[in-house]
C-alpha atoms as a PDB file:
ATOM      1  CA  UNK A   1     -18.097   7.782 -28.798  1.00  0.00           C
ATOM      2  CA  UNK A   2     -20.561   7.169 -25.993  1.00  0.00           C
ATOM      3  CA  UNK A   3     -19.438   4.112 -24.026  1.00  0.00           C
ATOM      4  CA  UNK A   4     -22.896   2.519 -24.151  1.00  0.00           C
ATOM      5  CA  UNK A   5     -22.636   2.084 -27.933  1.00  0.00           C
ATOM      6  CA  UNK A   6     -21.313  -1.411 -28.815  1.00  0.00           C
ATOM      7  CA  UNK A   7     -18.139  -1.797 -30.864  1.00  0.00           C
ATOM      8  CA  UNK A   8     -19.774  -2.713 -34.168  1.00  0.00           C
ATOM      9  CA  UNK A   9     -22.257   0.140 -33.993  1.00  0.00           C
ATOM     10  CA  UNK A  10     -19.529   2.585 -32.940  1.00  0.00           C
ATOM     11  CA  UNK A  11     -17.487   1.591 -35.990  1.00  0.00           C
ATOM     12  CA  UNK A  12     -20.447   2.192 -38.287  1.00  0.00           C
ATOM     13  CA  UNK A  13     -21.410   5.481 -36.654  1.00  0.00           C
ATOM     14  CA  UNK A  14     -17.855   6.773 -36.983  1.00  0.00           C
ATOM     15  CA  UNK A  15     -17.975   5.911 -40.676  1.00  0.00           C
ATOM     16  CA  UNK A  16     -21.348   7.579 -41.194  1.00  0.00           C
ATOM     17  CA  UNK A  17     -20.402  10.644 -39.158  1.00  0.00           C
ATOM     18  CA  UNK A  18     -17.198  11.034 -41.141  1.00  0.00           C
ATOM     19  CA  UNK A  19     -19.259  11.277 -44.318  1.00  0.00           C
ATOM     20  CA  UNK A  20     -22.273  13.227 -43.076  1.00  0.00           C
ATOM     21  CA  UNK A  21     -20.459  15.716 -40.843  1.00  0.00           C
ATOM     22  CA  UNK A  22     -16.651  15.501 -40.992  1.00  0.00           C
ATOM     23  CA  UNK A  23     -16.353  18.620 -38.832  1.00  0.00           C
ATOM     24  CA  UNK A  24     -18.064  17.041 -35.867  1.00  0.00           C
ATOM     25  CA  UNK A  25     -21.086  17.198 -33.614  1.00  0.00           C
ATOM     26  CA  UNK A  26     -21.842  20.921 -34.004  1.00  0.00           C
ATOM     27  CA  UNK A  27     -22.339  20.796 -37.772  1.00  0.00           C
ATOM     28  CA  UNK A  28     -25.614  21.739 -39.435  1.00  0.00           C
ATOM     29  CA  UNK A  29     -26.439  21.290 -43.109  1.00  0.00           C
ATOM     30  CA  UNK A  30     -24.132  23.206 -45.437  1.00  0.00           C
ATOM     31  CA  UNK A  31     -21.670  23.917 -42.592  1.00  0.00           C
ATOM     32  CA  UNK A  32     -23.783  26.887 -41.545  1.00  0.00           C
ATOM     33  CA  UNK A  33     -23.234  26.346 -37.807  1.00  0.00           C
ATOM     34  CA  UNK A  34     -21.337  29.629 -37.469  1.00  0.00           C
ATOM     35  CA  UNK A  35     -24.575  31.458 -38.248  1.00  0.00           C
ATOM     36  CA  UNK A  36     -26.224  30.172 -35.064  1.00  0.00           C
ATOM     37  CA  UNK A  37     -26.178  32.072 -31.741  1.00  0.00           C
ATOM     38  CA  UNK A  38     -24.478  29.130 -30.004  1.00  0.00           C
ATOM     39  CA  UNK A  39     -23.210  25.639 -30.880  1.00  0.00           C
ATOM     40  CA  UNK A  40     -25.915  23.001 -31.124  1.00  0.00           C
ATOM     41  CA  UNK A  41     -24.020  20.816 -28.617  1.00  0.00           C
ATOM     42  CA  UNK A  42     -24.844  23.517 -26.053  1.00  0.00           C
ATOM     43  CA  UNK A  43     -28.516  23.597 -26.996  1.00  0.00           C
ATOM     44  CA  UNK A  44     -31.215  21.481 -25.425  1.00  0.00           C
ATOM     45  CA  UNK A  45     -33.202  19.234 -27.723  1.00  0.00           C
ATOM     46  CA  UNK A  46     -36.122  21.600 -27.337  1.00  0.00           C
ATOM     47  CA  UNK A  47     -34.024  24.586 -28.369  1.00  0.00           C
ATOM     48  CA  UNK A  48     -32.604  22.766 -31.374  1.00  0.00           C
ATOM     49  CA  UNK A  49     -35.972  21.521 -32.618  1.00  0.00           C
ATOM     50  CA  UNK A  50     -37.322  25.069 -32.348  1.00  0.00           C
ATOM     51  CA  UNK A  51     -34.307  26.427 -34.233  1.00  0.00           C
ATOM     52  CA  UNK A  52     -34.598  23.755 -36.933  1.00  0.00           C
ATOM     53  CA  UNK A  53     -38.007  25.102 -37.872  1.00  0.00           C
ATOM     54  CA  UNK A  54     -36.227  27.845 -39.831  1.00  0.00           C
ATOM     55  CA  UNK A  55     -33.257  25.794 -41.071  1.00  0.00           C
ATOM     56  CA  UNK A  56     -34.945  24.410 -44.170  1.00  0.00           C
ATOM     57  CA  UNK A  57     -35.809  27.875 -45.434  1.00  0.00           C
ATOM     58  CA  UNK A  58     -32.453  29.359 -44.459  1.00  0.00           C
ATOM     59  CA  UNK A  59     -30.105  26.475 -45.281  1.00  0.00           C
ATOM     60  CA  UNK A  60     -32.209  24.108 -47.471  1.00  0.00           C
ATOM     61  CA  UNK A  61     -32.273  21.370 -44.806  1.00  0.00           C
ATOM     62  CA  UNK A  62     -32.787  20.956 -41.072  1.00  0.00           C
ATOM     63  CA  UNK A  63     -30.063  18.259 -40.829  1.00  0.00           C
ATOM     64  CA  UNK A  64     -28.067  18.797 -37.633  1.00  0.00           C
ATOM     65  CA  UNK A  65     -25.278  17.147 -35.687  1.00  0.00           C
ATOM     66  CA  UNK A  66     -22.735  14.428 -36.320  1.00  0.00           C
ATOM     67  CA  UNK A  67     -25.379  12.169 -37.846  1.00  0.00           C
ATOM     68  CA  UNK A  68     -27.375  14.964 -39.497  1.00  0.00           C
ATOM     69  CA  UNK A  69     -30.655  14.476 -37.652  1.00  0.00           C
ATOM     70  CA  UNK A  70     -33.623  15.977 -39.466  1.00  0.00           C
ATOM     71  CA  UNK A  71     -36.131  17.966 -37.412  1.00  0.00           C
ATOM     72  CA  UNK A  72     -38.863  15.384 -37.998  1.00  0.00           C
ATOM     73  CA  UNK A  73     -36.458  12.617 -36.950  1.00  0.00           C
ATOM     74  CA  UNK A  74     -35.606  14.343 -33.667  1.00  0.00           C
ATOM     75  CA  UNK A  75     -39.266  14.942 -32.935  1.00  0.00           C
ATOM     76  CA  UNK A  76     -40.029  11.292 -33.655  1.00  0.00           C
ATOM     77  CA  UNK A  77     -37.140  10.076 -31.485  1.00  0.00           C
ATOM     78  CA  UNK A  78     -38.248  12.346 -28.659  1.00  0.00           C
ATOM     79  CA  UNK A  79     -41.725  10.843 -28.688  1.00  0.00           C
ATOM     80  CA  UNK A  80     -40.490   7.279 -29.075  1.00  0.00           C
ATOM     81  CA  UNK A  81     -37.825   7.457 -26.369  1.00  0.00           C
ATOM     82  CA  UNK A  82     -39.623   9.827 -24.032  1.00  0.00           C
ATOM     83  CA  UNK A  83     -36.874  12.434 -24.229  1.00  0.00           C
ATOM     84  CA  UNK A  84     -37.173  15.604 -22.217  1.00  0.00           C
ATOM     85  CA  UNK A  85     -36.826  18.854 -24.081  1.00  0.00           C
ATOM     86  CA  UNK A  86     -34.268  19.941 -21.476  1.00  0.00           C
ATOM     87  CA  UNK A  87     -31.672  17.297 -22.401  1.00  0.00           C
ATOM     88  CA  UNK A  88     -28.528  18.820 -23.903  1.00  0.00           C
ATOM     89  CA  UNK A  89     -27.810  17.755 -27.479  1.00  0.00           C
ATOM     90  CA  UNK A  90     -24.192  16.902 -26.698  1.00  0.00           C
ATOM     91  CA  UNK A  91     -21.913  14.339 -28.346  1.00  0.00           C
ATOM     92  CA  UNK A  92     -22.905  11.438 -26.102  1.00  0.00           C
ATOM     93  CA  UNK A  93     -26.610  11.985 -26.658  1.00  0.00           C
ATOM     94  CA  UNK A  94     -26.059  12.208 -30.413  1.00  0.00           C
ATOM     95  CA  UNK A  95     -24.170   8.893 -30.321  1.00  0.00           C
ATOM     96  CA  UNK A  96     -26.975   7.192 -28.423  1.00  0.00           C
ATOM     97  CA  UNK A  97     -29.605   8.563 -30.783  1.00  0.00           C
ATOM     98  CA  UNK A  98     -27.500   7.520 -33.767  1.00  0.00           C
ATOM     99  CA  UNK A  99     -27.286   3.992 -32.395  1.00  0.00           C
ATOM    100  CA  UNK A 100     -31.058   3.959 -32.009  1.00  0.00           C
ATOM    101  CA  UNK A 101     -31.405   4.881 -35.671  1.00  0.00           C
ATOM    102  CA  UNK A 102     -29.101   1.982 -36.601  1.00  0.00           C
ATOM    103  CA  UNK A 103     -31.290  -0.390 -34.636  1.00  0.00           C
ATOM    104  CA  UNK A 104     -34.383   0.991 -36.311  1.00  0.00           C
ATOM    105  CA  UNK A 105     -32.804   0.196 -39.657  1.00  0.00           C
ATOM    106  CA  UNK A 106     -31.967  -3.389 -38.744  1.00  0.00           C
ATOM    107  CA  UNK A 107     -28.558  -3.331 -37.058  1.00  0.00           C
ATOM    108  CA  UNK A 108     -29.425  -6.223 -34.733  1.00  0.00           C
ATOM    109  CA  UNK A 109     -30.839  -8.300 -37.577  1.00  0.00           C
ATOM    110  CA  UNK A 110     -27.762  -7.664 -39.697  1.00  0.00           C
ATOM    111  CA  UNK A 111     -25.155  -8.680 -37.128  1.00  0.00           C
ATOM    112  CA  UNK A 112     -27.215 -11.770 -36.257  1.00  0.00           C
ATOM    113  CA  UNK A 113     -27.448 -12.783 -39.925  1.00  0.00           C
ATOM    114  CA  UNK A 114     -31.187 -12.292 -40.358  1.00  0.00           C
ATOM    115  CA  UNK A 115     -30.834  -9.770 -43.182  1.00  0.00           C
ATOM    116  CA  UNK A 116     -28.216  -9.462 -45.905  1.00  0.00           C
ATOM    117  CA  UNK A 117     -25.537  -6.836 -46.246  1.00  0.00           C
ATOM    118  CA  UNK A 118     -27.292  -5.467 -49.332  1.00  0.00           C
ATOM    119  CA  UNK A 119     -30.589  -5.110 -47.483  1.00  0.00           C
ATOM    120  CA  UNK A 120     -28.985  -3.428 -44.497  1.00  0.00           C
ATOM    121  CA  UNK A 121     -27.091  -1.122 -46.848  1.00  0.00           C
ATOM    122  CA  UNK A 122     -30.360  -0.105 -48.473  1.00  0.00           C
ATOM    123  CA  UNK A 123     -31.946   0.632 -45.113  1.00  0.00           C
ATOM    124  CA  UNK A 124     -28.981   2.759 -44.104  1.00  0.00           C
ATOM    125  CA  UNK A 125     -29.230   4.641 -47.412  1.00  0.00           C
ATOM    126  CA  UNK A 126     -32.852   5.390 -46.572  1.00  0.00           C
ATOM    127  CA  UNK A 127     -31.719   6.983 -43.306  1.00  0.00           C
ATOM    128  CA  UNK A 128     -28.619   8.792 -44.585  1.00  0.00           C
ATOM    129  CA  UNK A 129     -28.787  10.249 -48.076  1.00  0.00           C
ATOM    130  CA  UNK A 130     -24.994  10.358 -48.470  1.00  0.00           C
ATOM    131  CA  UNK A 131     -24.817   6.550 -48.416  1.00  0.00           C
ATOM    132  CA  UNK A 132     -25.373   4.590 -51.643  1.00  0.00           C
ATOM    133  CA  UNK A 133     -27.619   1.633 -52.288  1.00  0.00           C
ATOM    134  CA  UNK A 134     -25.584  -1.535 -52.786  1.00  0.00           C
ATOM    135  CA  UNK A 135     -27.679  -2.940 -55.617  1.00  0.00           C
ATOM    136  CA  UNK A 136     -30.120  -1.687 -58.249  1.00  0.00           C
ATOM    137  CA  UNK A 137     -33.444  -0.895 -56.600  1.00  0.00           C
ATOM    138  CA  UNK A 138     -36.353   1.484 -56.535  1.00  0.00           C
ATOM    139  CA  UNK A 139     -35.469   4.715 -54.705  1.00  0.00           C
ATOM    140  CA  UNK A 140     -37.565   7.486 -53.249  1.00  0.00           C
ATOM    141  CA  UNK A 141     -37.964   9.181 -56.617  1.00  0.00           C
ATOM    142  CA  UNK A 142     -36.845   6.793 -59.358  1.00  0.00           C
ATOM    143  CA  UNK A 143     -35.147   3.547 -60.273  1.00  0.00           C
ATOM    144  CA  UNK A 144     -31.585   3.458 -59.020  1.00  0.00           C
ATOM    145  CA  UNK A 145     -28.325   1.884 -60.019  1.00  0.00           C
ATOM    146  CA  UNK A 146     -25.842   0.458 -57.534  1.00  0.00           C
ATOM    147  CA  UNK A 147     -23.913   3.330 -55.928  1.00  0.00           C
ATOM    148  CA  UNK A 148     -26.607   6.023 -56.146  1.00  0.00           C
ATOM    149  CA  UNK A 149     -28.219   7.797 -53.220  1.00  0.00           C
ATOM    150  CA  UNK A 150     -31.626   6.439 -52.268  1.00  0.00           C
ATOM    151  CA  UNK A 151     -32.894  10.010 -52.714  1.00  0.00           C
ATOM    152  CA  UNK A 152     -31.276  10.631 -56.093  1.00  0.00           C
ATOM    153  CA  UNK A 153     -33.489  12.794 -58.262  1.00  0.00           C
ATOM    154  CA  UNK A 154     -34.499  15.308 -55.595  1.00  0.00           C
ATOM    155  CA  UNK A 155     -31.909  17.835 -56.848  1.00  0.00           C
ATOM    156  CA  UNK A 156     -30.458  17.973 -53.337  1.00  0.00           C
ATOM    157  CA  UNK A 157     -28.911  14.672 -52.266  1.00  0.00           C
ATOM    158  CA  UNK A 158     -26.246  12.442 -53.757  1.00  0.00           C
ATOM    159  CA  UNK A 159     -24.067   9.584 -52.624  1.00  0.00           C
ATOM    160  CA  UNK A 160     -20.707  10.674 -51.194  1.00  0.00           C
ATOM    161  CA  UNK A 161     -19.001   7.292 -50.860  1.00  0.00           C
ATOM    162  CA  UNK A 162     -18.570   4.223 -53.050  1.00  0.00           C
ATOM    163  CA  UNK A 163     -20.601   1.089 -52.380  1.00  0.00           C
ATOM    164  CA  UNK A 164     -17.360  -0.898 -52.094  1.00  0.00           C
ATOM    165  CA  UNK A 165     -16.291   1.188 -49.094  1.00  0.00           C
ATOM    166  CA  UNK A 166     -19.672   0.735 -47.463  1.00  0.00           C
ATOM    167  CA  UNK A 167     -19.485  -3.014 -47.987  1.00  0.00           C
ATOM    168  CA  UNK A 168     -15.998  -3.170 -46.484  1.00  0.00           C
ATOM    169  CA  UNK A 169     -17.149  -1.304 -43.387  1.00  0.00           C
ATOM    170  CA  UNK A 170     -20.258  -3.448 -43.044  1.00  0.00           C
ATOM    171  CA  UNK A 171     -18.107  -6.564 -43.138  1.00  0.00           C
ATOM    172  CA  UNK A 172     -16.070  -5.207 -40.215  1.00  0.00           C
ATOM    173  CA  UNK A 173     -19.230  -4.160 -38.411  1.00  0.00           C
ATOM    174  CA  UNK A 174     -20.686  -7.639 -38.646  1.00  0.00           C
ATOM    175  CA  UNK A 175     -17.500  -9.207 -37.337  1.00  0.00           C
ATOM    176  CA  UNK A 176     -17.276  -6.753 -34.440  1.00  0.00           C
ATOM    177  CA  UNK A 177     -20.971  -7.033 -33.686  1.00  0.00           C
ATOM    178  CA  UNK A 178     -20.879 -10.821 -33.651  1.00  0.00           C
ATOM    179  CA  UNK A 179     -18.100 -10.957 -31.063  1.00  0.00           C
ATOM    180  CA  UNK A 180     -19.620 -11.588 -27.676  1.00  0.00           C
ATOM    181  CA  UNK A 181     -17.878 -10.288 -24.569  1.00  0.00           C
ATOM    182  CA  UNK A 182     -15.764 -12.945 -22.890  1.00  0.00           C
ATOM    183  CA  UNK A 183     -17.264 -13.954 -19.573  1.00  0.00           C
ATOM    184  CA  UNK A 184     -14.647 -15.340 -17.239  1.00  0.00           C
ATOM    185  CA  UNK A 185     -16.152 -18.035 -15.049  1.00  0.00           C
ATOM    186  CA  UNK A 186     -13.949 -18.657 -12.026  1.00  0.00           C
ATOM    187  CA  UNK A 187     -13.140 -22.220 -11.054  1.00  0.00           C
ATOM    188  CA  UNK A 188     -15.404 -23.521  -8.348  1.00  0.00           C
ATOM    189  CA  UNK A 189     -13.318 -24.097  -5.261  1.00  0.00           C
ATOM    190  CA  UNK A 190     -14.663 -26.455  -2.628  1.00  0.00           C
ATOM    191  CA  UNK A 191     -13.662 -25.153   0.766  1.00  0.00           C
ATOM    192  CA  UNK A 192     -13.013 -27.942   3.202  1.00  0.00           C
ATOM    193  CA  UNK A 193     -13.469 -27.575   6.923  1.00  0.00           C
ATOM    194  CA  UNK A 194     -10.563 -25.432   8.148  1.00  0.00           C
ATOM    195  CA  UNK A 195      -7.788 -27.239   9.900  1.00  0.00           C
ATOM    196  CA  UNK A 196      -6.640 -25.566  13.094  1.00  0.00           C
ATOM    197  CA  UNK A 197      -2.949 -26.091  13.557  1.00  0.00           C
ATOM    198  CA  UNK A 198      -1.862 -27.037  17.069  1.00  0.00           C
ATOM    199  CA  UNK A 199       1.851 -26.319  17.248  1.00  0.00           C
ATOM    200  CA  UNK A 200       3.258 -26.936  20.685  1.00  0.00           C
ATOM    201  CA  UNK A 201       0.056 -28.721  21.757  1.00  0.00           C
ATOM    202  CA  UNK A 202      -1.975 -25.502  21.818  1.00  0.00           C
ATOM    203  CA  UNK A 203      -5.124 -27.546  22.300  1.00  0.00           C
ATOM    204  CA  UNK A 204      -3.745 -29.164  25.456  1.00  0.00           C
ATOM    205  CA  UNK A 205      -4.524 -27.689  28.866  1.00  0.00           C
ATOM    206  CA  UNK A 206      -1.604 -25.656  30.206  1.00  0.00           C
ATOM    207  CA  UNK A 207      -1.391 -27.927  33.274  1.00  0.00           C
ATOM    208  CA  UNK A 208      -0.687 -30.883  30.971  1.00  0.00           C
ATOM    209  CA  UNK A 209       1.535 -29.122  28.436  1.00  0.00           C
ATOM    210  CA  UNK A 210       5.181 -30.158  28.162  1.00  0.00           C
ATOM    211  CA  UNK A 211       6.049 -26.645  27.073  1.00  0.00           C
ATOM    212  CA  UNK A 212       4.557 -25.095  30.204  1.00  0.00           C
ATOM    213  CA  UNK A 213       6.369 -27.493  32.497  1.00  0.00           C
ATOM    214  CA  UNK A 214       9.628 -26.826  30.652  1.00  0.00           C
ATOM    215  CA  UNK A 215       9.219 -23.083  31.192  1.00  0.00           C
ATOM    216  CA  UNK A 216       8.244 -23.597  34.832  1.00  0.00           C
ATOM    217  CA  UNK A 217      11.247 -25.853  35.392  1.00  0.00           C
ATOM    218  CA  UNK A 218      13.558 -23.290  33.886  1.00  0.00           C
ATOM    219  CA  UNK A 219      12.201 -20.673  36.224  1.00  0.00           C
ATOM    220  CA  UNK A 220      12.619 -22.874  39.299  1.00  0.00           C
ATOM    221  CA  UNK A 221      16.138 -23.915  38.320  1.00  0.00           C
ATOM    222  CA  UNK A 222      17.053 -20.296  37.742  1.00  0.00           C
ATOM    223  CA  UNK A 223      15.796 -19.418  41.199  1.00  0.00           C
ATOM    224  CA  UNK A 224      17.796 -22.281  42.774  1.00  0.00           C
ATOM    225  CA  UNK A 225      20.882 -21.338  40.785  1.00  0.00           C
ATOM    226  CA  UNK A 226      20.543 -17.763  41.877  1.00  0.00           C
ATOM    227  CA  UNK A 227      20.194 -18.796  45.502  1.00  0.00           C
ATOM    228  CA  UNK A 228      23.211 -21.134  45.242  1.00  0.00           C
ATOM    229  CA  UNK A 229      25.317 -18.436  43.700  1.00  0.00           C
ATOM    230  CA  UNK A 230      24.266 -16.023  46.418  1.00  0.00           C
ATOM    231  CA  UNK A 231      25.197 -18.538  49.128  1.00  0.00           C
ATOM    232  CA  UNK A 232      28.458 -19.270  47.329  1.00  0.00           C
ATOM    233  CA  UNK A 233      29.548 -15.642  47.689  1.00  0.00           C
ATOM    234  CA  UNK A 234      29.290 -14.556  44.020  1.00  0.00           C
ATOM    235  CA  UNK A 235      27.983 -11.163  43.010  1.00  0.00           C
ATOM    236  CA  UNK A 236      24.454 -11.694  44.237  1.00  0.00           C
ATOM    237  CA  UNK A 237      23.034  -8.595  42.493  1.00  0.00           C
ATOM    238  CA  UNK A 238      24.010  -9.776  39.031  1.00  0.00           C
ATOM    239  CA  UNK A 239      22.816 -13.312  39.695  1.00  0.00           C
ATOM    240  CA  UNK A 240      19.542 -12.077  41.172  1.00  0.00           C
ATOM    241  CA  UNK A 241      18.870  -9.844  38.183  1.00  0.00           C
ATOM    242  CA  UNK A 242      19.602 -12.692  35.782  1.00  0.00           C
ATOM    243  CA  UNK A 243      17.367 -15.127  37.670  1.00  0.00           C
ATOM    244  CA  UNK A 244      14.544 -12.576  37.872  1.00  0.00           C
ATOM    245  CA  UNK A 245      14.644 -12.096  34.108  1.00  0.00           C
ATOM    246  CA  UNK A 246      14.390 -15.843  33.463  1.00  0.00           C
ATOM    247  CA  UNK A 247      11.579 -16.287  35.985  1.00  0.00           C
ATOM    248  CA  UNK A 248       9.698 -13.324  34.504  1.00  0.00           C
ATOM    249  CA  UNK A 249      10.006 -14.731  30.996  1.00  0.00           C
ATOM    250  CA  UNK A 250       8.767 -18.128  32.219  1.00  0.00           C
ATOM    251  CA  UNK A 251       5.735 -16.564  33.914  1.00  0.00           C
ATOM    252  CA  UNK A 252       4.932 -14.516  30.787  1.00  0.00           C
ATOM    253  CA  UNK A 253       5.259 -17.599  28.571  1.00  0.00           C
ATOM    254  CA  UNK A 254       2.968 -19.660  30.797  1.00  0.00           C
ATOM    255  CA  UNK A 255       0.336 -16.885  30.775  1.00  0.00           C
ATOM    256  CA  UNK A 256       0.511 -16.514  26.995  1.00  0.00           C
ATOM    257  CA  UNK A 257       0.236 -20.292  26.683  1.00  0.00           C
ATOM    258  CA  UNK A 258      -2.974 -20.192  28.717  1.00  0.00           C
ATOM    259  CA  UNK A 259      -4.345 -17.395  26.512  1.00  0.00           C
ATOM    260  CA  UNK A 260      -3.551 -19.379  23.351  1.00  0.00           C
ATOM    261  CA  UNK A 261      -5.240 -22.463  24.775  1.00  0.00           C
ATOM    262  CA  UNK A 262      -8.418 -20.464  25.364  1.00  0.00           C
ATOM    263  CA  UNK A 263      -8.271 -18.895  21.879  1.00  0.00           C
ATOM    264  CA  UNK A 264      -7.841 -22.304  20.212  1.00  0.00           C
ATOM    265  CA  UNK A 265     -10.781 -23.743  22.117  1.00  0.00           C
ATOM    266  CA  UNK A 266     -12.973 -20.764  21.165  1.00  0.00           C
ATOM    267  CA  UNK A 267     -12.004 -21.138  17.484  1.00  0.00           C
ATOM    268  CA  UNK A 268     -12.664 -24.877  17.500  1.00  0.00           C
ATOM    269  CA  UNK A 269     -16.059 -24.282  19.074  1.00  0.00           C
ATOM    270  CA  UNK A 270     -16.909 -21.648  16.424  1.00  0.00           C
ATOM    271  CA  UNK A 271     -15.895 -23.925  13.560  1.00  0.00           C
ATOM    272  CA  UNK A 272     -17.753 -26.845  15.083  1.00  0.00           C
END
């Protein structure tokens, strides 16, 4: 089923197609599709309409496709919808055209409660001869009883399904058609002014930061310790290497602290 067809209409079209053309989208009246040069789902609308001109004489009807479109119906739909003759009569196009026929016959009014099930059933029976009228009424050729085809009396058409089955499907169609898609509305979140964390006094100038002075002190003490150890006769190379590592780390930390201070100030200025 074409994805543009709503659930209720898709349910009804599947039901109708199962009665009109159980073998699918390539079917023509009387299951004579094997007598055609190629499947109708590979034909353009123009090619099919041209071919249908001979169907009535050859097969007694021009009905074609899953929903048994008559030649006059396809010509009418083409004019109404502005279809190009080059469009391929594939399954999706047939579904969309079938949905348009449902709407012509009052689908929207039925699912919205503007017309009764019996009235909608009658309108569908006027479009598809295999469907029965749901109550006694005047048909195309004579007075009808409930369950007869709208075209009974033409020596060609008859109802192929009971009115009870049609009514059951229409009940499901109305329920499915009345269900509106759920629209999820997200909660409105009020975004407050961002808070810039200042761990270690990142917003404080490096010259006034306790952290910086701690690192600087560690570096100085390491240098003094290294010098004392050297003067005390210990392995000066090991002590010098150790002191150099501590001093280097302190210098790196102080530089990074200065970079963070600048970044925080830039962010605060941007936020305002």
